N, C-alpha and C. Protein backbone atom coordinates (compact mmCIF):
# COMPACT_ATOMS: atom_id res chain seq x y z
N MET A 1 5.82 18.07 11.63
CA MET A 1 6.40 16.99 10.87
C MET A 1 5.55 16.78 9.62
N GLY A 2 6.15 16.68 8.46
CA GLY A 2 5.42 16.47 7.22
C GLY A 2 4.90 15.06 7.11
N ALA A 3 3.98 14.85 6.18
CA ALA A 3 3.38 13.53 5.99
C ALA A 3 4.42 12.49 5.61
N ALA A 4 5.35 12.84 4.74
CA ALA A 4 6.37 11.88 4.33
C ALA A 4 7.26 11.50 5.51
N ALA A 5 7.62 12.46 6.34
CA ALA A 5 8.45 12.17 7.50
C ALA A 5 7.70 11.31 8.50
N ALA A 6 6.41 11.54 8.66
CA ALA A 6 5.61 10.74 9.58
C ALA A 6 5.54 9.29 9.10
N PHE A 7 5.38 9.07 7.81
CA PHE A 7 5.38 7.71 7.25
C PHE A 7 6.73 7.06 7.50
N ALA A 8 7.81 7.78 7.25
CA ALA A 8 9.16 7.22 7.37
C ALA A 8 9.48 6.82 8.80
N ALA A 9 8.98 7.55 9.78
CA ALA A 9 9.29 7.29 11.17
C ALA A 9 8.34 6.27 11.80
N GLU A 10 7.39 5.78 11.05
CA GLU A 10 6.37 4.90 11.58
C GLU A 10 6.92 3.54 11.98
N ALA A 11 6.31 2.98 13.00
CA ALA A 11 6.68 1.66 13.47
C ALA A 11 6.37 0.61 12.40
N VAL A 12 7.04 -0.50 12.53
CA VAL A 12 6.86 -1.62 11.61
C VAL A 12 5.51 -2.28 11.89
N ARG A 13 4.83 -2.68 10.82
CA ARG A 13 3.54 -3.40 10.92
C ARG A 13 3.66 -4.70 10.15
N THR A 14 2.79 -5.64 10.46
CA THR A 14 2.78 -6.93 9.79
C THR A 14 1.76 -6.89 8.66
N PHE A 15 2.20 -7.34 7.47
CA PHE A 15 1.35 -7.37 6.28
C PHE A 15 1.26 -8.78 5.73
N ASP A 16 0.08 -9.15 5.28
CA ASP A 16 -0.15 -10.43 4.61
C ASP A 16 -1.17 -10.17 3.51
N ILE A 17 -0.66 -9.70 2.38
CA ILE A 17 -1.51 -9.30 1.26
C ILE A 17 -1.08 -10.10 0.03
N PRO A 18 -1.97 -10.95 -0.51
CA PRO A 18 -1.60 -11.70 -1.71
C PRO A 18 -1.60 -10.78 -2.93
N ALA A 19 -0.87 -11.17 -3.96
CA ALA A 19 -0.90 -10.43 -5.22
C ALA A 19 -2.34 -10.45 -5.73
N GLY A 20 -2.71 -9.41 -6.43
CA GLY A 20 -4.08 -9.35 -6.95
C GLY A 20 -4.38 -8.01 -7.56
N GLU A 21 -5.66 -7.79 -7.81
CA GLU A 21 -6.12 -6.54 -8.41
C GLU A 21 -6.07 -5.42 -7.37
N ALA A 22 -5.59 -4.27 -7.79
CA ALA A 22 -5.37 -3.14 -6.89
C ALA A 22 -6.63 -2.74 -6.12
N SER A 23 -7.79 -2.86 -6.72
CA SER A 23 -9.01 -2.47 -6.00
C SER A 23 -9.20 -3.31 -4.74
N ASP A 24 -8.73 -4.55 -4.75
CA ASP A 24 -8.81 -5.41 -3.58
C ASP A 24 -7.58 -5.25 -2.69
N THR A 25 -6.39 -5.25 -3.28
CA THR A 25 -5.17 -5.21 -2.47
C THR A 25 -4.99 -3.87 -1.75
N LEU A 26 -5.41 -2.78 -2.34
CA LEU A 26 -5.31 -1.49 -1.66
C LEU A 26 -6.26 -1.43 -0.46
N ARG A 27 -7.42 -2.03 -0.58
CA ARG A 27 -8.36 -2.10 0.55
C ARG A 27 -7.73 -2.90 1.69
N ARG A 28 -7.14 -4.06 1.36
CA ARG A 28 -6.48 -4.88 2.37
C ARG A 28 -5.30 -4.14 2.99
N PHE A 29 -4.54 -3.46 2.14
CA PHE A 29 -3.40 -2.70 2.63
C PHE A 29 -3.85 -1.66 3.66
N ALA A 30 -4.88 -0.90 3.34
CA ALA A 30 -5.37 0.14 4.24
C ALA A 30 -5.79 -0.46 5.58
N GLN A 31 -6.47 -1.60 5.55
CA GLN A 31 -6.89 -2.25 6.79
C GLN A 31 -5.69 -2.66 7.63
N GLN A 32 -4.72 -3.31 7.00
CA GLN A 32 -3.57 -3.83 7.72
C GLN A 32 -2.62 -2.71 8.16
N ALA A 33 -2.57 -1.63 7.41
CA ALA A 33 -1.71 -0.50 7.76
C ALA A 33 -2.35 0.41 8.79
N GLY A 34 -3.67 0.28 8.96
CA GLY A 34 -4.37 1.18 9.87
C GLY A 34 -4.43 2.59 9.33
N ARG A 35 -4.48 2.69 8.01
CA ARG A 35 -4.48 3.99 7.32
C ARG A 35 -5.68 4.09 6.38
N GLU A 36 -6.08 5.31 6.11
CA GLU A 36 -7.09 5.56 5.09
C GLU A 36 -6.36 5.89 3.80
N ILE A 37 -6.79 5.26 2.72
CA ILE A 37 -6.19 5.52 1.41
C ILE A 37 -7.30 6.01 0.49
N VAL A 38 -7.03 7.09 -0.20
CA VAL A 38 -8.01 7.67 -1.10
C VAL A 38 -7.53 7.50 -2.53
N TYR A 39 -8.39 6.94 -3.38
CA TYR A 39 -8.05 6.75 -4.78
C TYR A 39 -9.34 6.58 -5.59
N PRO A 40 -9.33 7.00 -6.85
CA PRO A 40 -10.50 6.79 -7.70
C PRO A 40 -10.57 5.31 -8.09
N ALA A 41 -11.65 4.65 -7.73
CA ALA A 41 -11.80 3.21 -7.99
C ALA A 41 -11.59 2.87 -9.46
N GLN A 42 -12.08 3.70 -10.35
CA GLN A 42 -11.94 3.41 -11.78
C GLN A 42 -10.49 3.46 -12.24
N ASP A 43 -9.63 4.17 -11.51
CA ASP A 43 -8.22 4.29 -11.90
C ASP A 43 -7.38 3.09 -11.47
N VAL A 44 -7.84 2.32 -10.49
CA VAL A 44 -7.05 1.18 -10.01
C VAL A 44 -7.62 -0.15 -10.47
N ARG A 45 -8.86 -0.16 -10.90
CA ARG A 45 -9.51 -1.39 -11.34
C ARG A 45 -8.73 -2.02 -12.50
N GLY A 46 -8.43 -3.30 -12.36
CA GLY A 46 -7.74 -4.02 -13.43
C GLY A 46 -6.22 -3.95 -13.35
N HIS A 47 -5.68 -3.20 -12.41
CA HIS A 47 -4.22 -3.09 -12.27
C HIS A 47 -3.73 -4.13 -11.26
N PRO A 48 -2.83 -5.02 -11.66
CA PRO A 48 -2.30 -6.02 -10.72
C PRO A 48 -1.25 -5.41 -9.81
N THR A 49 -1.20 -5.91 -8.59
CA THR A 49 -0.17 -5.50 -7.63
C THR A 49 0.54 -6.73 -7.09
N ALA A 50 1.68 -6.50 -6.50
CA ALA A 50 2.51 -7.59 -5.96
C ALA A 50 2.02 -7.99 -4.56
N ALA A 51 2.43 -9.17 -4.15
CA ALA A 51 2.15 -9.63 -2.79
C ALA A 51 3.07 -8.91 -1.81
N VAL A 52 2.60 -8.71 -0.60
CA VAL A 52 3.42 -8.15 0.47
C VAL A 52 3.18 -8.99 1.71
N ARG A 53 4.21 -9.66 2.14
CA ARG A 53 4.12 -10.49 3.35
C ARG A 53 5.35 -10.24 4.21
N GLY A 54 5.10 -9.92 5.46
CA GLY A 54 6.20 -9.70 6.39
C GLY A 54 5.98 -8.43 7.18
N GLU A 55 7.02 -8.04 7.90
CA GLU A 55 6.97 -6.85 8.74
C GLU A 55 7.74 -5.72 8.07
N PHE A 56 7.04 -4.60 7.83
CA PHE A 56 7.62 -3.45 7.14
C PHE A 56 7.03 -2.16 7.69
N PRO A 57 7.76 -1.06 7.57
CA PRO A 57 7.13 0.25 7.77
C PRO A 57 6.05 0.43 6.68
N VAL A 58 5.03 1.19 6.96
CA VAL A 58 3.91 1.36 6.04
C VAL A 58 4.37 1.82 4.65
N ALA A 59 5.25 2.81 4.59
CA ALA A 59 5.70 3.33 3.30
C ALA A 59 6.42 2.26 2.48
N GLU A 60 7.23 1.44 3.14
CA GLU A 60 7.95 0.37 2.44
C GLU A 60 6.99 -0.70 1.95
N ALA A 61 6.00 -1.04 2.75
CA ALA A 61 5.01 -2.04 2.33
C ALA A 61 4.23 -1.54 1.12
N LEU A 62 3.86 -0.28 1.11
CA LEU A 62 3.14 0.28 -0.04
C LEU A 62 4.03 0.28 -1.28
N ARG A 63 5.30 0.63 -1.11
CA ARG A 63 6.23 0.60 -2.24
C ARG A 63 6.31 -0.81 -2.82
N ARG A 64 6.40 -1.80 -1.96
CA ARG A 64 6.47 -3.19 -2.41
C ARG A 64 5.17 -3.63 -3.10
N LEU A 65 4.04 -3.21 -2.56
CA LEU A 65 2.75 -3.55 -3.14
C LEU A 65 2.63 -3.02 -4.57
N LEU A 66 3.07 -1.80 -4.78
CA LEU A 66 2.92 -1.15 -6.09
C LEU A 66 4.08 -1.41 -7.04
N ASP A 67 5.16 -2.03 -6.54
CA ASP A 67 6.34 -2.30 -7.36
C ASP A 67 5.97 -3.13 -8.59
N GLY A 68 6.36 -2.65 -9.75
CA GLY A 68 6.07 -3.34 -11.00
C GLY A 68 4.71 -3.02 -11.60
N SER A 69 3.91 -2.24 -10.90
CA SER A 69 2.61 -1.84 -11.45
C SER A 69 2.75 -0.46 -12.09
N SER A 70 1.71 -0.02 -12.74
CA SER A 70 1.72 1.31 -13.32
C SER A 70 1.17 2.35 -12.34
N LEU A 71 0.93 1.95 -11.09
CA LEU A 71 0.38 2.83 -10.09
C LEU A 71 1.49 3.45 -9.24
N ALA A 72 1.23 4.62 -8.69
CA ALA A 72 2.19 5.29 -7.82
C ALA A 72 1.44 5.93 -6.66
N ALA A 73 2.11 6.02 -5.53
CA ALA A 73 1.53 6.64 -4.34
C ALA A 73 2.12 8.03 -4.13
N THR A 74 1.31 8.92 -3.61
CA THR A 74 1.77 10.24 -3.21
C THR A 74 1.30 10.48 -1.79
N THR A 75 2.01 11.30 -1.07
CA THR A 75 1.62 11.61 0.31
C THR A 75 1.26 13.06 0.44
């Protein structure tokens, strides 16, 4: 199973991440998703992200977090 398919089939998780700077919100996202996220800190510093609150599959929560930002996720 590919990484994208594994994300898509994942169980729903609960997220409570306030809007804020990506360097903080991505760390919170990784903790709440139970996933490791790799990114260059200098590339996300200063980029605002949206709040994510509720129950979502991990991929959907990440999409919502990055929605409206100049950041994008790859798997």
